Amino acid sequence: MDRYLPIRDLFAREILDAGGRPAVEVEVLADEDVVGAASVSLTDPERCAGRTESSREKSLSRKNAGDDSATCAVENINCCIAQELIGTNIFDQAEIDRILTRTGGTADGHGTGGPVTLAVSAAAARTAAGALNIPLYRYLGGTQAAGMPLPVVDMITGGPHVRNMPDFRGFMIVPPTGETFREQLRICIRVHHEVEDILRSRGMGNIQEERNDIQAGIRDAQEALCLIRSAAERAGRHVGGDLRIALDIGAPALYDIQEKAYLFSSEGRERGGTVLRTTGEMTEYYRELVSQFPVSLIEDPFAPGDTKGWKNLSDSLPDRVRIISENLISADAGRPESGESRSGAVRIDVGRTGTLTDAFEQIKKVREMGAMVEIAHMGNRTADTLASDVAVASGAGYIRGGSLCGMEHVEIYNRLLKIEEQFPF
């Protein structure tokens, strides 16, 4: 862009994320009074909830996670990064992100600087959009911002780190495509409320502290899916007709390296033994679930290196099922892993990218592979709505904003509701 407007100041402060853990908010000033802000959590909830940690270790990690990281991050932004960025053209996002990569973290966002650089990058983009008096999604996407993503909404959260829950990481619903985003969200809200009511009627419903989602004594995936199907029927919706189901397996967390198989800890406790499934058994398990329930999306069904599983599953599933991978892009080469190239979509968690430039480069690579993009908010536990604007700006097919509990998730959906009002897609 030919227009030039220098960054005048940059300021960071410590805040708290949805779990009361350290987070950082950044403000970028250009001109006299144009300010953009962004916030990121410094604690990744999924990395803190590893299967190998004991309850005490996880408790200690919660207490110690980022006790000093927020202070260090703020100092780094206010001293080092600010010194490098002041005077840079606010409209040159690529140059801003190059400076951030050099001074604040790694290019792929996997270093300690990832969340910090993302906060500055997003705040700068919001300042630029404000200076032009246009919404962020329009500034980032231009004419490519031409549609609303389809929401994939969490109904039940599980995982090997959650007691009394199925081993799969999440059970979601996908509303019909022929509705407005507002109506799609209303459908998901009705079903979510019915899920809560069913759990309460069984005396086992409560709010999960870690992820602000429903937690209950559910034995396995089949029971969770039956519960969602019943909830949908009570909400006046037919699962398989105008409503589909999505599964987030989280297979990398299930994979046992020594056994070379997938360990189902919760299911094993229910059965009073050890439940291990080989790659072939996992494929058959998914085929069984797909035959019983109208599953349209399966996320992370195998560990990244399980190339045989990825290929066999994609060859054996019906066309209506799309496989979504979280690990399709190699962090080193930026190319698809050999066994995962058949995936129909890739989840890009904006909260785990280093800068906006990194995020859009990943999106571009996914499209070059012929895959669909799912934008996720799972790596950030603040109420920042960057993922919403990125999803619209990039023309993503899906958005995974989390559950309908907790403002860090709800604000993602609220932002999309506002975007739908602003632009008649």
Protein backbone atom coordinates (compact mmCIF):
# COMPACT_ATOMS: atom_id res chain seq x y z
CA MET A 1 0.00 0.00 0.00
CA ASP A 2 1.32 3.43 -0.99
CA ARG A 3 -0.14 5.20 2.02
CA TYR A 4 2.29 5.83 4.87
CA LEU A 5 1.36 6.24 8.52
CA PRO A 6 4.08 5.54 11.11
CA ILE A 7 3.58 3.64 14.33
CA ARG A 8 3.91 6.24 17.08
CA ASP A 9 3.82 4.05 20.15
CA LEU A 10 3.29 0.49 21.36
CA PHE A 11 2.24 -0.59 24.85
CA ALA A 12 1.66 -3.96 26.50
CA ARG A 13 0.09 -4.83 29.83
CA GLU A 14 -0.57 -7.97 31.85
CA ILE A 15 -4.14 -9.26 31.96
CA LEU A 16 -5.78 -12.60 32.83
CA ASP A 17 -7.19 -15.19 30.49
CA ALA A 18 -10.39 -17.19 30.99
CA GLY A 19 -8.66 -19.53 33.43
CA GLY A 20 -7.15 -16.76 35.53
CA ARG A 21 -3.74 -17.38 34.00
CA PRO A 22 -1.27 -14.82 32.65
CA ALA A 23 -2.14 -13.14 29.37
CA VAL A 24 -0.96 -10.06 27.52
CA GLU A 25 -2.86 -7.20 25.89
CA VAL A 26 -1.11 -5.00 23.34
CA GLU A 27 -2.10 -1.56 22.05
CA VAL A 28 -0.57 0.02 18.96
CA LEU A 29 -0.91 3.76 18.32
CA ALA A 30 -0.68 5.47 14.94
CA ASP A 31 -1.43 9.07 14.01
CA GLU A 32 -2.84 11.08 16.93
CA ASP A 33 -5.52 8.76 18.26
CA VAL A 34 -5.86 5.61 16.14
CA VAL A 35 -5.39 2.67 18.49
CA GLY A 36 -5.76 -1.04 17.86
CA ALA A 37 -5.59 -3.71 20.55
CA ALA A 38 -5.23 -7.48 20.76
CA SER A 39 -4.80 -10.01 23.54
CA VAL A 40 -3.40 -13.53 23.80
CA SER A 41 -3.11 -16.12 26.52
CA LEU A 42 0.41 -17.25 27.39
CA THR A 43 -0.80 -20.69 28.47
CA ASP A 44 -1.93 -23.31 25.98
CA PRO A 45 -4.71 -25.27 27.73
CA GLU A 46 -4.15 -28.41 25.67
CA ARG A 47 -0.41 -28.48 26.26
CA CYS A 48 -1.00 -28.01 29.98
CA ALA A 49 -3.41 -30.93 30.08
CA GLY A 50 -1.07 -33.65 28.90
CA ARG A 51 -1.89 -37.26 29.61
CA THR A 52 1.49 -37.93 31.18
CA GLU A 53 1.12 -35.33 33.92
CA SER A 54 -0.14 -36.27 37.35
CA SER A 55 -2.88 -34.24 38.99
CA ARG A 56 -0.34 -32.58 41.27
CA GLU A 57 2.00 -31.82 38.36
CA LYS A 58 -0.85 -30.24 36.44
CA SER A 59 -1.84 -28.25 39.52
CA LEU A 60 1.71 -26.99 39.91
CA SER A 61 1.91 -26.16 36.20
CA ARG A 62 -1.25 -24.09 36.58
CA LYS A 63 0.25 -22.18 39.47
CA ASN A 64 3.61 -21.69 37.84
CA ALA A 65 2.59 -21.40 34.19
CA GLY A 66 3.54 -17.93 33.21
CA ASP A 67 4.09 -16.48 36.70
CA ASP A 68 7.04 -14.66 35.19
CA SER A 69 6.22 -15.13 31.50
CA ALA A 70 3.71 -12.28 31.38
CA THR A 71 6.15 -9.90 33.04
CA CYS A 72 8.91 -10.92 30.64
CA ALA A 73 6.59 -10.67 27.65
CA VAL A 74 5.42 -7.20 28.61
CA GLU A 75 9.00 -6.03 29.12
CA ASN A 76 10.02 -7.52 25.80
CA ILE A 77 7.20 -5.74 23.96
CA ASN A 78 7.54 -2.39 25.70
CA CYS A 79 11.32 -2.28 25.34
CA CYS A 80 12.74 -4.39 22.52
CA ILE A 81 9.80 -4.82 20.14
CA ALA A 82 8.50 -1.27 20.55
CA GLN A 83 11.93 0.15 19.80
CA GLU A 84 12.07 -1.85 16.56
CA LEU A 85 8.54 -1.08 15.40
CA ILE A 86 8.09 2.64 16.18
CA GLY A 87 8.31 4.52 12.91
CA THR A 88 7.33 1.51 10.77
CA ASN A 89 4.46 2.02 8.33
CA ILE A 90 1.32 0.71 9.99
CA PHE A 91 0.00 -0.38 6.57
CA ASP A 92 3.02 -2.60 5.84
CA GLN A 93 1.87 -5.72 7.66
CA ALA A 94 4.50 -7.90 6.01
CA GLU A 95 7.34 -5.69 7.25
CA ILE A 96 5.84 -5.46 10.72
CA ASP A 97 5.64 -9.24 10.91
CA ARG A 98 9.18 -9.66 9.61
CA ILE A 99 10.42 -7.43 12.41
CA LEU A 100 8.36 -9.37 14.94
CA THR A 101 9.71 -12.69 13.74
CA ARG A 102 13.26 -11.38 14.03
CA THR A 103 12.86 -9.79 17.46
CA GLY A 104 10.15 -11.76 19.24
CA GLY A 105 9.98 -15.41 18.23
CA THR A 106 10.29 -18.03 15.55
CA ALA A 107 8.83 -17.78 12.08
CA ASP A 108 6.37 -20.64 12.63
CA GLY A 109 5.14 -19.30 15.98
CA HIS A 110 6.21 -22.42 17.88
CA GLY A 111 8.87 -20.63 19.90
CA THR A 112 8.29 -18.72 23.11
CA GLY A 113 7.66 -15.56 21.11
CA GLY A 114 4.64 -17.01 19.25
CA PRO A 115 1.79 -15.61 21.39
CA VAL A 116 3.64 -12.35 21.98
CA THR A 117 4.33 -11.66 18.32
CA LEU A 118 0.77 -12.60 17.37
CA ALA A 119 -0.65 -10.06 19.83
CA VAL A 120 1.48 -7.27 18.38
CA SER A 121 0.76 -8.34 14.81
CA ALA A 122 -2.99 -8.39 15.38
CA ALA A 123 -3.00 -5.09 17.27
CA ALA A 124 -1.09 -3.44 14.41
CA ALA A 125 -3.58 -4.79 11.86
CA ARG A 126 -6.50 -3.45 13.89
CA THR A 127 -4.80 -0.05 14.06
CA ALA A 128 -4.36 -0.03 10.28
CA ALA A 129 -7.98 -1.04 9.75
CA GLY A 130 -9.09 1.70 12.15
CA ALA A 131 -7.01 4.29 10.29
CA LEU A 132 -8.79 3.33 7.07
CA ASN A 133 -12.15 3.14 8.86
CA ILE A 134 -12.84 -0.39 7.63
CA PRO A 135 -13.45 -3.62 9.58
CA LEU A 136 -10.50 -5.90 10.24
CA TYR A 137 -11.78 -8.73 8.04
CA ARG A 138 -11.99 -6.34 5.09
CA TYR A 139 -8.49 -5.00 5.72
CA LEU A 140 -7.05 -8.51 5.90
CA GLY A 141 -9.08 -10.15 3.14
CA GLY A 142 -10.19 -7.46 0.71
CA THR A 143 -12.49 -8.92 -1.92
CA GLN A 144 -11.68 -12.44 -0.69
CA ALA A 145 -13.88 -11.78 2.35
CA ALA A 146 -17.00 -12.96 0.59
CA GLY A 147 -18.77 -15.41 2.87
CA MET A 148 -19.42 -16.65 6.39
CA PRO A 149 -17.75 -19.81 7.71
CA LEU A 150 -19.83 -22.75 8.85
CA PRO A 151 -19.67 -23.05 12.66
CA VAL A 152 -18.51 -26.33 14.17
CA VAL A 153 -19.72 -26.03 17.75
CA ASP A 154 -18.56 -28.12 20.70
CA MET A 155 -21.31 -29.96 22.58
CA ILE A 156 -19.31 -32.30 24.82
CA THR A 157 -15.61 -32.10 25.64
CA GLY A 158 -13.62 -35.21 26.47
CA GLY A 159 -10.04 -36.38 26.18
CA PRO A 160 -7.70 -38.59 28.19
CA HIS A 161 -7.03 -35.74 30.64
CA VAL A 162 -10.74 -35.35 31.57
CA ARG A 163 -12.11 -37.79 34.14
CA ASN A 164 -15.38 -39.65 33.54
CA MET A 165 -15.49 -38.64 29.88
CA PRO A 166 -14.89 -40.36 26.54
CA ASP A 167 -11.34 -40.42 25.27
CA PHE A 168 -12.14 -38.41 22.14
CA ARG A 169 -11.27 -34.74 22.56
CA GLY A 170 -14.58 -33.33 21.44
CA PHE A 171 -18.06 -34.01 20.06
CA MET A 172 -19.49 -31.21 17.93
CA ILE A 173 -22.47 -30.47 15.72
CA VAL A 174 -22.50 -28.89 12.28
CA PRO A 175 -25.66 -26.91 11.37
CA PRO A 176 -27.21 -26.88 7.89
CA THR A 177 -25.45 -24.85 5.21
CA GLY A 178 -28.56 -23.24 3.76
CA GLU A 179 -29.20 -20.97 6.75
CA THR A 180 -27.80 -17.61 7.80
CA PHE A 181 -25.04 -17.69 10.36
CA ARG A 182 -27.45 -16.29 12.95
CA GLU A 183 -29.89 -19.14 12.39
CA GLN A 184 -27.08 -21.70 12.35
CA LEU A 185 -25.97 -20.46 15.73
CA ARG A 186 -29.52 -20.54 17.09
CA ILE A 187 -29.80 -24.19 16.08
CA CYS A 188 -26.57 -25.02 17.90
CA ILE A 189 -27.68 -23.10 20.99
CA ARG A 190 -30.96 -25.03 21.19
CA VAL A 191 -29.19 -28.37 20.94
CA HIS A 192 -26.56 -27.32 23.49
CA HIS A 193 -29.24 -26.37 26.00
CA GLU A 194 -30.94 -29.74 25.49
CA VAL A 195 -27.63 -31.53 26.08
CA GLU A 196 -27.30 -29.66 29.36
CA ASP A 197 -30.87 -30.51 30.36
CA ILE A 198 -30.40 -34.21 29.63
CA LEU A 199 -27.24 -34.32 31.72
CA ARG A 200 -28.92 -32.53 34.60
CA SER A 201 -31.87 -34.91 34.46
CA ARG A 202 -29.40 -37.76 34.88
CA GLY A 203 -27.79 -36.02 37.81
CA MET A 204 -24.41 -35.81 36.13
CA GLY A 205 -24.20 -32.44 34.43
CA ASN A 206 -21.85 -29.68 35.50
CA ILE A 207 -19.55 -27.06 34.02
CA GLN A 208 -16.02 -28.19 33.36
CA GLU A 209 -13.58 -25.82 35.00
CA GLU A 210 -10.75 -26.25 32.51
CA ARG A 211 -12.61 -25.65 29.26
CA ASN A 212 -15.93 -24.11 30.27
CA ASP A 213 -17.81 -26.99 28.76
CA ILE A 214 -20.13 -29.79 29.81
CA GLN A 215 -18.55 -32.57 31.84
CA ALA A 216 -20.34 -35.73 32.86
CA GLY A 217 -19.98 -39.44 33.44
CA ILE A 218 -20.23 -40.63 29.84
CA ARG A 219 -18.71 -44.02 29.14
CA ASP A 220 -17.68 -43.91 25.49
CA ALA A 221 -18.12 -42.22 22.13
CA GLN A 222 -21.33 -44.08 21.31
CA GLU A 223 -23.01 -42.84 24.48
CA ALA A 224 -21.91 -39.27 23.82
CA LEU A 225 -23.24 -39.40 20.26
CA CYS A 226 -26.54 -40.95 21.36
CA LEU A 227 -26.91 -38.15 23.89
CA ILE A 228 -26.34 -35.49 21.22
CA ARG A 229 -28.81 -37.19 18.90
CA SER A 230 -31.46 -37.23 21.64
CA ALA A 231 -30.78 -33.57 22.43
CA ALA A 232 -31.17 -32.62 18.77
CA GLU A 233 -34.51 -34.43 18.55
CA ARG A 234 -35.72 -32.63 21.65
CA ALA A 235 -34.68 -29.37 20.00
CA GLY A 236 -36.80 -30.24 16.96
CA ARG A 237 -33.88 -31.17 14.72
CA HIS A 238 -33.14 -34.38 12.89
CA VAL A 239 -29.55 -35.55 13.11
CA GLY A 240 -28.64 -36.70 9.65
CA GLY A 241 -31.21 -34.48 8.01
CA ASP A 242 -30.44 -30.84 8.68
CA LEU A 243 -27.82 -31.48 11.36
CA ARG A 244 -24.51 -33.32 11.23
CA ILE A 245 -22.00 -34.49 13.82
CA ALA A 246 -18.27 -33.78 13.99
CA LEU A 247 -15.67 -35.68 16.00
CA ASP A 248 -12.41 -34.26 17.32
CA ILE A 249 -10.40 -37.38 18.11
CA GLY A 250 -7.18 -35.81 19.37
CA ALA A 251 -5.38 -39.03 18.38
CA PRO A 252 -1.84 -37.72 19.03
CA ALA A 253 -2.71 -37.56 22.74
CA LEU A 254 -4.02 -41.14 22.65
CA TYR A 255 -1.05 -42.69 20.89
CA ASP A 256 1.18 -44.85 23.07
CA ILE A 257 4.66 -44.99 21.54
CA GLN A 258 5.73 -48.11 23.42
CA GLU A 259 2.62 -50.08 22.52
CA LYS A 260 2.43 -48.58 19.02
CA ALA A 261 -1.31 -48.34 19.52
CA TYR A 262 -3.95 -45.92 20.76
CA LEU A 263 -4.70 -46.08 24.48
CA PHE A 264 -8.29 -45.40 25.57
CA SER A 265 -7.80 -44.67 29.27
CA SER A 266 -11.37 -43.68 30.19
CA GLU A 267 -12.90 -46.60 28.33
CA GLY A 268 -10.40 -48.90 30.01
CA ARG A 269 -11.39 -47.66 33.47
CA GLU A 270 -15.05 -48.31 32.64
CA ARG A 271 -14.27 -51.85 31.52
CA GLY A 272 -11.84 -52.53 34.33
CA GLY A 273 -8.90 -53.20 32.03
CA THR A 274 -6.71 -51.75 29.31
CA VAL A 275 -8.21 -50.74 25.98
CA LEU A 276 -5.69 -50.46 23.16
CA ARG A 277 -6.60 -50.08 19.50
CA THR A 278 -4.16 -50.65 16.68
CA THR A 279 -4.21 -48.54 13.53
CA GLY A 280 -6.41 -51.07 11.79
CA GLU A 281 -8.79 -51.28 14.76
CA MET A 282 -9.03 -47.49 14.87
CA THR A 283 -10.04 -47.45 11.21
CA GLU A 284 -12.75 -50.03 11.86
CA TYR A 285 -13.90 -48.10 14.93
CA TYR A 286 -14.37 -44.94 12.88
CA ARG A 287 -16.20 -46.84 10.15
CA GLU A 288 -18.53 -48.27 12.78
CA LEU A 289 -19.29 -44.83 14.22
CA VAL A 290 -19.87 -43.36 10.76
CA SER A 291 -22.30 -46.17 9.93
CA GLN A 292 -24.26 -45.57 13.16
CA PHE A 293 -24.26 -41.76 13.20
CA PRO A 294 -24.33 -39.00 10.55
CA VAL A 295 -20.71 -37.94 11.03
CA SER A 296 -19.52 -35.38 8.47
CA LEU A 297 -16.18 -34.30 9.99
CA ILE A 298 -13.44 -36.27 11.75
CA GLU A 299 -10.56 -34.22 13.14
CA ASP A 300 -7.13 -35.70 13.91
CA PRO A 301 -8.09 -39.39 13.66
CA PHE A 302 -4.48 -40.61 13.78
CA ALA A 303 -1.10 -39.54 15.08
CA PRO A 304 0.90 -37.47 12.55
CA GLY A 305 3.32 -40.26 11.66
CA ASP A 306 0.66 -42.95 11.26
CA THR A 307 0.64 -42.71 7.47
CA LYS A 308 -1.03 -46.08 6.98
CA GLY A 309 -3.96 -45.04 9.15
CA TRP A 310 -4.49 -41.75 7.32
CA LYS A 311 -4.48 -43.40 3.91
CA ASN A 312 -6.66 -46.38 4.81
CA LEU A 313 -9.25 -44.23 6.56
CA SER A 314 -9.59 -41.72 3.74
CA ASP A 315 -9.94 -44.59 1.25
CA SER A 316 -12.62 -46.38 3.27
CA LEU A 317 -14.92 -43.55 4.41
CA PRO A 318 -17.95 -42.41 2.41
CA ASP A 319 -17.71 -39.16 0.46
CA ARG A 320 -19.89 -37.31 2.97
CA VAL A 321 -17.14 -37.54 5.62
CA ARG A 322 -14.33 -34.98 5.53
CA ILE A 323 -11.11 -35.60 7.44
CA ILE A 324 -9.58 -32.58 9.15
CA SER A 325 -5.94 -32.58 10.17
CA GLU A 326 -4.21 -30.33 12.68
CA ASN A 327 -0.76 -31.46 11.57
CA LEU A 328 -0.97 -31.46 7.79
CA ILE A 329 1.68 -28.80 7.31
CA SER A 330 5.21 -29.69 8.28
CA ALA A 331 6.65 -27.09 10.63
CA ASP A 332 10.01 -27.40 8.88
CA ALA A 333 9.16 -27.71 5.21
CA GLY A 334 5.68 -26.18 5.13
CA ARG A 335 4.51 -29.10 2.97
CA PRO A 336 1.95 -31.84 3.56
CA GLU A 337 3.10 -34.91 5.43
CA SER A 338 3.13 -37.91 3.11
CA GLY A 339 0.38 -39.89 4.80
CA GLU A 340 -1.95 -36.99 5.44
CA SER A 341 -2.19 -35.48 1.98
CA ARG A 342 -5.62 -37.02 1.52
CA SER A 343 -7.15 -34.93 4.31
CA GLY A 344 -10.06 -32.83 3.12
CA ALA A 345 -9.39 -29.90 5.43
CA VAL A 346 -6.77 -28.47 7.76
CA ARG A 347 -7.38 -26.81 11.09
CA ILE A 348 -5.36 -23.65 11.58
CA ASP A 349 -5.43 -22.40 15.14
CA VAL A 350 -4.84 -18.66 14.91
CA GLY A 351 -3.80 -18.54 18.57
CA ARG A 352 -0.81 -20.76 17.78
CA THR A 353 0.51 -18.87 14.78
CA GLY A 354 3.41 -16.45 15.17
CA THR A 355 1.99 -13.52 13.19
CA LEU A 356 -0.87 -12.76 10.82
CA THR A 357 1.52 -13.21 7.92
CA ASP A 358 2.30 -16.72 9.20
CA ALA A 359 -1.41 -17.52 9.49
CA PHE A 360 -2.24 -16.41 5.95
CA GLU A 361 0.81 -18.18 4.52
CA GLN A 362 -0.43 -21.40 6.12
CA ILE A 363 -3.90 -20.80 4.70
CA LYS A 364 -2.41 -20.27 1.25
CA LYS A 365 -0.45 -23.53 1.45
CA VAL A 366 -3.55 -25.44 2.49
CA ARG A 367 -5.46 -24.08 -0.50
CA GLU A 368 -2.60 -24.96 -2.84
CA MET A 369 -2.99 -28.56 -1.63
CA GLY A 370 -6.66 -28.45 -2.58
CA ALA A 371 -7.86 -28.72 1.02
CA MET A 372 -10.47 -26.69 2.87
CA VAL A 373 -9.55 -24.42 5.79
CA GLU A 374 -10.97 -24.60 9.30
CA ILE A 375 -10.03 -21.64 11.48
CA ALA A 376 -9.90 -22.43 15.20
CA HIS A 377 -9.73 -20.38 18.38
CA MET A 378 -8.71 -23.22 20.66
CA GLY A 379 -5.19 -21.99 21.42
CA ASN A 380 -6.28 -18.62 22.81
CA ARG A 381 -8.30 -18.32 26.01
CA THR A 382 -8.84 -14.56 26.03
CA ALA A 383 -11.96 -12.90 24.64
CA ASP A 384 -10.07 -11.63 21.59
CA THR A 385 -12.04 -12.21 18.38
CA LEU A 386 -9.18 -12.29 15.88
CA ALA A 387 -10.13 -15.79 14.70
CA SER A 388 -13.55 -14.53 13.55
CA ASP A 389 -12.09 -11.84 11.30
CA VAL A 390 -9.41 -14.18 9.96
CA ALA A 391 -12.04 -16.79 9.09
CA VAL A 392 -14.11 -14.31 7.10
CA ALA A 393 -11.07 -12.59 5.57
CA SER A 394 -9.64 -15.88 4.33
CA GLY A 395 -12.94 -17.35 3.14
CA ALA A 396 -12.53 -20.33 5.47
CA GLY A 397 -15.01 -23.14 5.13
CA TYR A 398 -15.38 -23.77 8.87
CA ILE A 399 -14.77 -22.01 12.16
CA ARG A 400 -14.20 -23.90 15.41
CA GLY A 401 -14.88 -21.36 18.14
CA GLY A 402 -15.34 -23.82 20.98
CA SER A 403 -18.43 -24.31 23.09
CA LEU A 404 -21.30 -21.95 23.83
CA CYS A 405 -20.06 -21.46 27.40
CA GLY A 406 -17.40 -19.00 28.48
CA MET A 407 -16.93 -15.56 26.94
CA GLU A 408 -13.60 -16.54 25.37
CA HIS A 409 -15.68 -18.74 23.07
CA VAL A 410 -18.94 -16.81 22.90
CA GLU A 411 -17.24 -13.59 21.80
CA ILE A 412 -15.99 -15.40 18.70
CA TYR A 413 -19.58 -16.12 17.71
CA ASN A 414 -20.78 -12.66 18.73
CA ARG A 415 -18.18 -11.09 16.45
CA LEU A 416 -19.37 -13.22 13.54
CA LEU A 417 -22.95 -12.13 14.20
CA LYS A 418 -21.83 -8.51 13.93
CA ILE A 419 -19.87 -9.22 10.75
CA GLU A 420 -22.93 -10.79 9.17
CA GLU A 421 -24.85 -7.58 9.89
CA GLN A 422 -22.11 -5.38 8.45
CA PHE A 423 -21.84 -7.10 5.11
CA PRO A 424 -24.75 -8.80 3.26
CA PHE A 425 -22.98 -11.95 2.06
